[in-house]
């Protein structure tokens, strides 16, 4: 889980995950959304992949990335536990 926390610490990587929540994207499509170099985006994708947050599928010269929802949901659960919210409604007096 430490790798996931480290991967999520960067705002660019969080934005990539946000984009992948909407749809699978190629590395080029992701890189087009940022003003940084393609190599920098590739580095971010590598970190996300190593943390298990994204999956990649290579077809010829194209790599398509998708969100690994299982790992992402586990991460969100750990955040909810830290802040004491487990999705249950709070009782009021």
PDB file of N, CA and C in Angstrom:
ATOM      1  N   UNK A   1       0.839  -1.203   0.000  1.00  0.00           N
ATOM      2  CA  UNK A   1       0.000   0.000   0.000  1.00  0.00           C
ATOM      3  C   UNK A   1       0.875   1.254   0.000  1.00  0.00           C
ATOM      4  N   UNK A   2       2.115   1.140   0.486  1.00  0.00           N
ATOM      5  CA  UNK A   2       3.007   2.301   0.524  1.00  0.00           C
ATOM      6  C   UNK A   2       3.233   2.860  -0.880  1.00  0.00           C
ATOM      7  N   UNK A   3       3.425   1.971  -1.864  1.00  0.00           N
ATOM      8  CA  UNK A   3       3.616   2.425  -3.239  1.00  0.00           C
ATOM      9  C   UNK A   3       2.410   3.200  -3.748  1.00  0.00           C
ATOM     10  N   UNK A   4       1.225   2.777  -3.346  1.00  0.00           N
ATOM     11  CA  UNK A   4      -0.001   3.459  -3.768  1.00  0.00           C
ATOM     12  C   UNK A   4      -0.030   4.862  -3.184  1.00  0.00           C
ATOM     13  N   UNK A   5       0.306   4.988  -1.903  1.00  0.00           N
ATOM     14  CA  UNK A   5       0.330   6.315  -1.270  1.00  0.00           C
ATOM     15  C   UNK A   5       1.336   7.222  -1.958  1.00  0.00           C
ATOM     16  N   UNK A   6       2.515   6.677  -2.267  1.00  0.00           N
ATOM     17  CA  UNK A   6       3.534   7.483  -2.956  1.00  0.00           C
ATOM     18  C   UNK A   6       3.067   7.898  -4.347  1.00  0.00           C
ATOM     19  N   UNK A   7       2.420   6.983  -5.042  1.00  0.00           N
ATOM     20  CA  UNK A   7       1.923   7.298  -6.384  1.00  0.00           C
ATOM     21  C   UNK A   7       0.846   8.376  -6.336  1.00  0.00           C
ATOM     22  N   UNK A   8      -0.002   8.311  -5.320  1.00  0.00           N
ATOM     23  CA  UNK A   8      -1.102   9.264  -5.206  1.00  0.00           C
ATOM     24  C   UNK A   8      -0.652  10.631  -4.688  1.00  0.00           C
ATOM     25  N   UNK A   9       0.562  10.730  -4.227  1.00  0.00           N
ATOM     26  CA  UNK A   9       1.048  11.990  -3.659  1.00  0.00           C
ATOM     27  C   UNK A   9       1.238  13.080  -4.715  1.00  0.00           C
ATOM     28  N   UNK A  10       1.342  12.693  -5.962  1.00  0.00           N
ATOM     29  CA  UNK A  10       1.624  13.665  -7.026  1.00  0.00           C
ATOM     30  C   UNK A  10       0.340  14.102  -7.734  1.00  0.00           C
ATOM     31  N   UNK A  11       0.133  15.422  -7.884  1.00  0.00           N
ATOM     32  CA  UNK A  11      -1.104  15.898  -8.521  1.00  0.00           C
ATOM     33  C   UNK A  11      -1.248  15.466  -9.980  1.00  0.00           C
ATOM     34  N   UNK A  12      -0.156  15.338 -10.708  1.00  0.00           N
ATOM     35  CA  UNK A  12      -0.240  14.891 -12.102  1.00  0.00           C
ATOM     36  C   UNK A  12      -0.755  13.459 -12.156  1.00  0.00           C
ATOM     37  N   UNK A  13      -0.249  12.615 -11.274  1.00  0.00           N
ATOM     38  CA  UNK A  13      -0.692  11.226 -11.257  1.00  0.00           C
ATOM     39  C   UNK A  13      -2.159  11.123 -10.831  1.00  0.00           C
ATOM     40  N   UNK A  14      -2.577  11.965  -9.903  1.00  0.00           N
ATOM     41  CA  UNK A  14      -3.991  11.965  -9.518  1.00  0.00           C
ATOM     42  C   UNK A  14      -4.866  12.386 -10.698  1.00  0.00           C
ATOM     43  N   UNK A  15      -4.398  13.339 -11.484  1.00  0.00           N
ATOM     44  CA  UNK A  15      -5.162  13.781 -12.658  1.00  0.00           C
ATOM     45  C   UNK A  15      -5.234  12.667 -13.704  1.00  0.00           C
ATOM     46  N   UNK A  16      -4.151  11.930 -13.875  1.00  0.00           N
ATOM     47  CA  UNK A  16      -4.161  10.800 -14.810  1.00  0.00           C
ATOM     48  C   UNK A  16      -5.202   9.775 -14.358  1.00  0.00           C
ATOM     49  N   UNK A  17      -5.239   9.471 -13.074  1.00  0.00           N
ATOM     50  CA  UNK A  17      -6.231   8.527 -12.556  1.00  0.00           C
ATOM     51  C   UNK A  17      -7.650   9.045 -12.773  1.00  0.00           C
ATOM     52  N   UNK A  18      -7.833  10.337 -12.594  1.00  0.00           N
ATOM     53  CA  UNK A  18      -9.138  10.946 -12.827  1.00  0.00           C
ATOM     54  C   UNK A  18      -9.567  10.765 -14.289  1.00  0.00           C
ATOM     55  N   UNK A  19      -8.639  10.952 -15.204  1.00  0.00           N
ATOM     56  CA  UNK A  19      -8.949  10.773 -16.624  1.00  0.00           C
ATOM     57  C   UNK A  19      -9.294   9.317 -16.928  1.00  0.00           C
ATOM     58  N   UNK A  20      -8.552   8.399 -16.309  1.00  0.00           N
ATOM     59  CA  UNK A  20      -8.776   6.979 -16.578  1.00  0.00           C
ATOM     60  C   UNK A  20     -10.051   6.454 -15.921  1.00  0.00           C
ATOM     61  N   UNK A  21     -10.602   7.199 -14.976  1.00  0.00           N
ATOM     62  CA  UNK A  21     -11.899   6.823 -14.411  1.00  0.00           C
ATOM     63  C   UNK A  21     -12.980   6.960 -15.468  1.00  0.00           C
ATOM     64  N   UNK A  22     -12.788   7.882 -16.390  1.00  0.00           N
ATOM     65  CA  UNK A  22     -13.795   8.158 -17.412  1.00  0.00           C
ATOM     66  C   UNK A  22     -13.711   7.168 -18.576  1.00  0.00           C
ATOM     67  N   UNK A  23     -12.464   6.831 -18.972  1.00  0.00           N
ATOM     68  CA  UNK A  23     -12.288   5.895 -20.091  1.00  0.00           C
ATOM     69  C   UNK A  23     -10.828   5.465 -20.171  1.00  0.00           C
ATOM     70  N   UNK A  24     -10.604   4.335 -20.829  1.00  0.00           N
ATOM     71  CA  UNK A  24      -9.243   3.889 -21.104  1.00  0.00           C
ATOM     72  C   UNK A  24      -8.629   4.858 -22.110  1.00  0.00           C
ATOM     73  N   UNK A  25      -7.324   5.071 -21.983  1.00  0.00           N
ATOM     74  CA  UNK A  25      -6.658   6.027 -22.870  1.00  0.00           C
ATOM     75  C   UNK A  25      -5.280   5.496 -23.262  1.00  0.00           C
ATOM     76  N   UNK A  26      -4.832   5.898 -24.451  1.00  0.00           N
ATOM     77  CA  UNK A  26      -3.477   5.559 -24.858  1.00  0.00           C
ATOM     78  C   UNK A  26      -2.501   6.515 -24.177  1.00  0.00           C
ATOM     79  N   UNK A  27      -1.247   6.128 -24.167  1.00  0.00           N
ATOM     80  CA  UNK A  27      -0.221   6.986 -23.582  1.00  0.00           C
ATOM     81  C   UNK A  27      -0.195   8.345 -24.278  1.00  0.00           C
ATOM     82  N   UNK A  28      -0.361   8.350 -25.591  1.00  0.00           N
ATOM     83  CA  UNK A  28      -0.367   9.604 -26.344  1.00  0.00           C
ATOM     84  C   UNK A  28      -1.529  10.506 -25.976  1.00  0.00           C
ATOM     85  N   UNK A  29      -2.709   9.918 -25.807  1.00  0.00           N
ATOM     86  CA  UNK A  29      -3.886  10.698 -25.415  1.00  0.00           C
ATOM     87  C   UNK A  29      -3.689  11.323 -24.041  1.00  0.00           C
ATOM     88  N   UNK A  30      -3.084  10.568 -23.133  1.00  0.00           N
ATOM     89  CA  UNK A  30      -2.818  11.095 -21.799  1.00  0.00           C
ATOM     90  C   UNK A  30      -1.798  12.229 -21.886  1.00  0.00           C
ATOM     91  N   UNK A  31      -0.724  12.015 -22.624  1.00  0.00           N
ATOM     92  CA  UNK A  31       0.337  13.018 -22.742  1.00  0.00           C
ATOM     93  C   UNK A  31      -0.185  14.321 -23.334  1.00  0.00           C
ATOM     94  N   UNK A  32      -1.157  14.248 -24.247  1.00  0.00           N
ATOM     95  CA  UNK A  32      -1.732  15.450 -24.865  1.00  0.00           C
ATOM     96  C   UNK A  32      -2.410  16.369 -23.856  1.00  0.00           C
ATOM     97  N   UNK A  33      -2.801  15.835 -22.718  1.00  0.00           N
ATOM     98  CA  UNK A  33      -3.527  16.605 -21.710  1.00  0.00           C
ATOM     99  C   UNK A  33      -2.616  17.420 -20.797  1.00  0.00           C
ATOM    100  N   UNK A  34      -1.302  17.259 -20.952  1.00  0.00           N
ATOM    101  CA  UNK A  34      -0.350  17.929 -20.071  1.00  0.00           C
ATOM    102  C   UNK A  34       0.643  18.750 -20.873  1.00  0.00           C
ATOM    103  N   UNK A  35       1.175  19.766 -20.239  1.00  0.00           N
ATOM    104  CA  UNK A  35       2.167  20.611 -20.897  1.00  0.00           C
ATOM    105  C   UNK A  35       3.585  20.090 -20.702  1.00  0.00           C
ATOM    106  N   UNK A  36       3.737  18.967 -20.024  1.00  0.00           N
ATOM    107  CA  UNK A  36       5.051  18.372 -19.816  1.00  0.00           C
ATOM    108  C   UNK A  36       5.394  17.463 -20.983  1.00  0.00           C
ATOM    109  N   UNK A  37       6.614  16.973 -20.997  1.00  0.00           N
ATOM    110  CA  UNK A  37       7.049  16.104 -22.094  1.00  0.00           C
ATOM    111  C   UNK A  37       6.385  14.729 -21.995  1.00  0.00           C
ATOM    112  N   UNK A  38       6.362  14.047 -23.117  1.00  0.00           N
ATOM    113  CA  UNK A  38       5.815  12.691 -23.151  1.00  0.00           C
ATOM    114  C   UNK A  38       6.622  11.774 -22.234  1.00  0.00           C
ATOM    115  N   UNK A  39       7.917  12.018 -22.133  1.00  0.00           N
ATOM    116  CA  UNK A  39       8.769  11.207 -21.256  1.00  0.00           C
ATOM    117  C   UNK A  39       8.371  11.377 -19.792  1.00  0.00           C
ATOM    118  N   UNK A  40       8.022  12.595 -19.408  1.00  0.00           N
ATOM    119  CA  UNK A  40       7.590  12.845 -18.027  1.00  0.00           C
ATOM    120  C   UNK A  40       6.276  12.128 -17.743  1.00  0.00           C
ATOM    121  N   UNK A  41       5.342  12.195 -18.677  1.00  0.00           N
ATOM    122  CA  UNK A  41       4.069  11.499 -18.507  1.00  0.00           C
ATOM    123  C   UNK A  41       4.309   9.994 -18.459  1.00  0.00           C
ATOM    124  N   UNK A  42       5.204   9.501 -19.284  1.00  0.00           N
ATOM    125  CA  UNK A  42       5.549   8.079 -19.278  1.00  0.00           C
ATOM    126  C   UNK A  42       6.095   7.652 -17.915  1.00  0.00           C
ATOM    127  N   UNK A  43       6.897   8.514 -17.312  1.00  0.00           N
ATOM    128  CA  UNK A  43       7.434   8.235 -15.972  1.00  0.00           C
ATOM    129  C   UNK A  43       6.296   8.143 -14.946  1.00  0.00           C
ATOM    130  N   UNK A  44       5.350   9.060 -15.014  1.00  0.00           N
ATOM    131  CA  UNK A  44       4.196   9.033 -14.109  1.00  0.00           C
ATOM    132  C   UNK A  44       3.390   7.740 -14.313  1.00  0.00           C
ATOM    133  N   UNK A  45       3.194   7.347 -15.562  1.00  0.00           N
ATOM    134  CA  UNK A  45       2.450   6.129 -15.853  1.00  0.00           C
ATOM    135  C   UNK A  45       3.176   4.900 -15.318  1.00  0.00           C
ATOM    136  N   UNK A  46       4.493   4.910 -15.400  1.00  0.00           N
ATOM    137  CA  UNK A  46       5.286   3.797 -14.862  1.00  0.00           C
ATOM    138  C   UNK A  46       5.076   3.672 -13.357  1.00  0.00           C
ATOM    139  N   UNK A  47       5.095   4.786 -12.650  1.00  0.00           N
ATOM    140  CA  UNK A  47       4.895   4.769 -11.201  1.00  0.00           C
ATOM    141  C   UNK A  47       3.492   4.253 -10.864  1.00  0.00           C
ATOM    142  N   UNK A  48       2.498   4.721 -11.601  1.00  0.00           N
ATOM    143  CA  UNK A  48       1.124   4.261 -11.373  1.00  0.00           C
ATOM    144  C   UNK A  48       0.985   2.773 -11.663  1.00  0.00           C
ATOM    145  N   UNK A  49       1.650   2.317 -12.715  1.00  0.00           N
ATOM    146  CA  UNK A  49       1.592   0.898 -13.074  1.00  0.00           C
ATOM    147  C   UNK A  49       2.284   0.042 -12.006  1.00  0.00           C
ATOM    148  N   UNK A  50       3.450   0.485 -11.547  1.00  0.00           N
ATOM    149  CA  UNK A  50       4.187  -0.260 -10.520  1.00  0.00           C
ATOM    150  C   UNK A  50       3.418  -0.310  -9.197  1.00  0.00           C
ATOM    151  N   UNK A  51       2.633   0.720  -8.915  1.00  0.00           N
ATOM    152  CA  UNK A  51       1.816   0.741  -7.703  1.00  0.00           C
ATOM    153  C   UNK A  51       0.551  -0.103  -7.865  1.00  0.00           C
ATOM    154  N   UNK A  52       0.293  -0.554  -9.082  1.00  0.00           N
ATOM    155  CA  UNK A  52      -0.885  -1.372  -9.341  1.00  0.00           C
ATOM    156  C   UNK A  52      -2.147  -0.579  -9.588  1.00  0.00           C
ATOM    157  N   UNK A  53      -2.027   0.740  -9.679  1.00  0.00           N
ATOM    158  CA  UNK A  53      -3.211   1.581  -9.870  1.00  0.00           C
ATOM    159  C   UNK A  53      -3.718   1.588 -11.305  1.00  0.00           C
ATOM    160  N   UNK A  54      -2.828   1.350 -12.255  1.00  0.00           N
ATOM    161  CA  UNK A  54      -3.247   1.288 -13.652  1.00  0.00           C
ATOM    162  C   UNK A  54      -2.741  -0.004 -14.283  1.00  0.00           C
ATOM    163  N   UNK A  55      -3.476  -0.431 -15.285  1.00  0.00           N
ATOM    164  CA  UNK A  55      -3.101  -1.596 -16.076  1.00  0.00           C
ATOM    165  C   UNK A  55      -2.746  -1.104 -17.469  1.00  0.00           C
ATOM    166  N   UNK A  56      -1.829  -1.781 -18.121  1.00  0.00           N
ATOM    167  CA  UNK A  56      -1.463  -1.387 -19.477  1.00  0.00           C
ATOM    168  C   UNK A  56      -1.568  -2.583 -20.403  1.00  0.00           C
ATOM    169  N   UNK A  57      -1.989  -2.287 -21.624  1.00  0.00           N
ATOM    170  CA  UNK A  57      -2.110  -3.316 -22.649  1.00  0.00           C
ATOM    171  C   UNK A  57      -1.445  -2.799 -23.913  1.00  0.00           C
ATOM    172  N   UNK A  58      -0.453  -3.544 -24.384  1.00  0.00           N
ATOM    173  CA  UNK A  58       0.281  -3.115 -25.569  1.00  0.00           C
ATOM    174  C   UNK A  58      -0.237  -3.853 -26.791  1.00  0.00           C
ATOM    175  N   UNK A  59      -0.543  -3.074 -27.819  1.00  0.00           N
ATOM    176  CA  UNK A  59      -0.948  -3.634 -29.102  1.00  0.00           C
ATOM    177  C   UNK A  59      -0.132  -2.937 -30.181  1.00  0.00           C
ATOM    178  N   UNK A  60       0.776  -3.669 -30.766  1.00  0.00           N
ATOM    179  CA  UNK A  60       1.745  -3.125 -31.725  1.00  0.00           C
ATOM    180  C   UNK A  60       2.532  -2.005 -31.062  1.00  0.00           C
ATOM    181  N   UNK A  61       2.430  -0.781 -31.546  1.00  0.00           N
ATOM    182  CA  UNK A  61       3.192   0.340 -30.987  1.00  0.00           C
ATOM    183  C   UNK A  61       2.398   1.152 -29.966  1.00  0.00           C
ATOM    184  N   UNK A  62       1.155   0.769 -29.714  1.00  0.00           N
ATOM    185  CA  UNK A  62       0.279   1.557 -28.855  1.00  0.00           C
ATOM    186  C   UNK A  62       0.082   0.880 -27.505  1.00  0.00           C
ATOM    187  N   UNK A  63       0.234   1.666 -26.441  1.00  0.00           N
ATOM    188  CA  UNK A  63      -0.054   1.171 -25.096  1.00  0.00           C
ATOM    189  C   UNK A  63      -1.302   1.879 -24.603  1.00  0.00           C
ATOM    190  N   UNK A  64      -2.288   1.084 -24.203  1.00  0.00           N
ATOM    191  CA  UNK A  64      -3.532   1.632 -23.668  1.00  0.00           C
ATOM    192  C   UNK A  64      -3.554   1.387 -22.171  1.00  0.00           C
ATOM    193  N   UNK A  65      -3.896   2.429 -21.431  1.00  0.00           N
ATOM    194  CA  UNK A  65      -3.932   2.358 -19.972  1.00  0.00           C
ATOM    195  C   UNK A  65      -5.370   2.369 -19.485  1.00  0.00           C
ATOM    196  N   UNK A  66      -5.607   1.619 -18.411  1.00  0.00           N
ATOM    197  CA  UNK A  66      -6.915   1.598 -17.773  1.00  0.00           C
ATOM    198  C   UNK A  66      -6.724   1.614 -16.266  1.00  0.00           C
ATOM    199  N   UNK A  67      -7.733   2.079 -15.579  1.00  0.00           N
ATOM    200  CA  UNK A  67      -7.705   2.153 -14.126  1.00  0.00           C
ATOM    201  C   UNK A  67      -7.893   0.753 -13.553  1.00  0.00           C
ATOM    202  N   UNK A  68      -7.039   0.364 -12.617  1.00  0.00           N
ATOM    203  CA  UNK A  68      -7.210  -0.903 -11.905  1.00  0.00           C
ATOM    204  C   UNK A  68      -8.157  -0.614 -10.747  1.00  0.00           C
ATOM    205  N   UNK A  69      -9.421  -0.824 -10.984  1.00  0.00           N
ATOM    206  CA  UNK A  69     -10.437  -0.401 -10.022  1.00  0.00           C
ATOM    207  C   UNK A  69     -10.306  -1.108  -8.677  1.00  0.00           C
ATOM    208  N   UNK A  70      -9.835  -2.338  -8.658  1.00  0.00           N
ATOM    209  CA  UNK A  70      -9.695  -3.066  -7.396  1.00  0.00           C
ATOM    210  C   UNK A  70      -8.709  -2.365  -6.475  1.00  0.00           C
ATOM    211  N   UNK A  71      -7.540  -2.044  -6.971  1.00  0.00           N
ATOM    212  CA  UNK A  71      -6.523  -1.372  -6.153  1.00  0.00           C
ATOM    213  C   UNK A  71      -6.983   0.036  -5.797  1.00  0.00           C
ATOM    214  N   UNK A  72      -7.605   0.719  -6.754  1.00  0.00           N
ATOM    215  CA  UNK A  72      -8.077   2.081  -6.500  1.00  0.00           C
ATOM    216  C   UNK A  72      -9.141   2.089  -5.405  1.00  0.00           C
ATOM    217  N   UNK A  73     -10.064   1.138  -5.452  1.00  0.00           N
ATOM    218  CA  UNK A  73     -11.107   1.069  -4.421  1.00  0.00           C
ATOM    219  C   UNK A  73     -10.517   0.725  -3.059  1.00  0.00           C
ATOM    220  N   UNK A  74      -9.522  -0.160  -3.026  1.00  0.00           N
ATOM    221  CA  UNK A  74      -8.857  -0.482  -1.763  1.00  0.00           C
ATOM    222  C   UNK A  74      -8.193   0.758  -1.171  1.00  0.00           C
ATOM    223  N   UNK A  75      -7.606   1.578  -2.040  1.00  0.00           N
ATOM    224  CA  UNK A  75      -6.972   2.807  -1.578  1.00  0.00           C
ATOM    225  C   UNK A  75      -8.022   3.754  -0.986  1.00  0.00           C
ATOM    226  N   UNK A  76      -9.143   3.900  -1.675  1.00  0.00           N
ATOM    227  CA  UNK A  76     -10.203   4.775  -1.179  1.00  0.00           C
ATOM    228  C   UNK A  76     -10.755   4.280   0.155  1.00  0.00           C
ATOM    229  N   UNK A  77     -10.857   2.960   0.322  1.00  0.00           N
ATOM    230  CA  UNK A  77     -11.306   2.407   1.603  1.00  0.00           C
ATOM    231  C   UNK A  77     -10.338   2.760   2.715  1.00  0.00           C
ATOM    232  N   UNK A  78      -9.044   2.687   2.422  1.00  0.00           N
ATOM    233  CA  UNK A  78      -8.057   3.010   3.458  1.00  0.00           C
ATOM    234  C   UNK A  78      -8.150   4.479   3.863  1.00  0.00           C
ATOM    235  N   UNK A  79      -8.443   5.350   2.918  1.00  0.00           N
ATOM    236  CA  UNK A  79      -8.630   6.774   3.243  1.00  0.00           C
ATOM    237  C   UNK A  79      -9.867   6.942   4.125  1.00  0.00           C
ATOM    238  N   UNK A  80     -10.941   6.255   3.773  1.00  0.00           N
ATOM    239  CA  UNK A  80     -12.173   6.346   4.554  1.00  0.00           C
ATOM    240  C   UNK A  80     -11.940   5.869   5.987  1.00  0.00           C
ATOM    241  N   UNK A  81     -11.149   4.823   6.151  1.00  0.00           N
ATOM    242  CA  UNK A  81     -10.858   4.314   7.494  1.00  0.00           C
ATOM    243  C   UNK A  81     -10.032   5.314   8.298  1.00  0.00           C
ATOM    244  N   UNK A  82      -9.110   5.978   7.641  1.00  0.00           N
ATOM    245  CA  UNK A  82      -8.282   6.971   8.329  1.00  0.00           C
ATOM    246  C   UNK A  82      -9.145   8.095   8.885  1.00  0.00           C
ATOM    247  N   UNK A  83     -10.108   8.531   8.090  1.00  0.00           N
ATOM    248  CA  UNK A  83     -10.953   9.647   8.496  1.00  0.00           C
ATOM    249  C   UNK A  83     -12.226   9.187   9.203  1.00  0.00           C
ATOM    250  N   UNK A  84     -12.334   7.881   9.444  1.00  0.00           N
ATOM    251  CA  UNK A  84     -13.447   7.365  10.213  1.00  0.00           C
ATOM    252  C   UNK A  84     -14.767   7.338   9.493  1.00  0.00           C
ATOM    253  N   UNK A  85     -14.745   7.414   8.166  1.00  0.00           N
ATOM    254  CA  UNK A  85     -15.989   7.338   7.409  1.00  0.00           C
ATOM    255  C   UNK A  85     -15.975   6.049   6.618  1.00  0.00           C
ATOM    256  N   UNK A  86     -16.902   5.187   6.903  1.00  0.00           N
ATOM    257  CA  UNK A  86     -16.957   3.899   6.221  1.00  0.00           C
ATOM    258  C   UNK A  86     -18.182   3.810   5.337  1.00  0.00           C
ATOM    259  N   UNK A  87     -18.728   4.937   4.973  1.00  0.00           N
ATOM    260  CA  UNK A  87     -19.893   4.940   4.109  1.00  0.00           C
ATOM    261  C   UNK A  87     -21.192   4.756   4.861  1.00  0.00           C
ATOM    262  N   UNK A  88     -21.120   4.740   6.179  1.00  0.00           N
ATOM    263  CA  UNK A  88     -22.320   4.574   6.972  1.00  0.00           C
ATOM    264  C   UNK A  88     -22.839   5.941   7.399  1.00  0.00           C
ATOM    265  N   UNK A  89     -24.143   6.113   7.429  1.00  0.00           N
ATOM    266  CA  UNK A  89     -24.673   7.417   7.850  1.00  0.00           C
ATOM    267  C   UNK A  89     -24.351   7.666   9.334  1.00  0.00           C
ATOM    268  N   UNK A  90     -24.095   8.909   9.653  1.00  0.00           N
ATOM    269  CA  UNK A  90     -23.809   9.291  11.034  1.00  0.00           C
ATOM    270  C   UNK A  90     -25.110   9.492  11.792  1.00  0.00           C
ATOM    271  N   UNK A  91     -25.117   9.026  13.022  1.00  0.00           N
ATOM    272  CA  UNK A  91     -26.314   9.228  13.849  1.00  0.00           C
ATOM    273  C   UNK A  91     -26.321  10.642  14.415  1.00  0.00           C
ATOM    274  N   UNK A  92     -27.485  11.211  14.494  1.00  0.00           N
ATOM    275  CA  UNK A  92     -27.623  12.541  15.102  1.00  0.00           C
ATOM    276  C   UNK A  92     -28.435  12.420  16.360  1.00  0.00           C
ATOM    277  N   UNK A  93     -28.191  13.300  17.286  1.00  0.00           N
ATOM    278  CA  UNK A  93     -28.914  13.261  18.554  1.00  0.00           C
ATOM    279  C   UNK A  93     -30.231  13.970  18.448  1.00  0.00           C
TER     280      UNK A  93
END
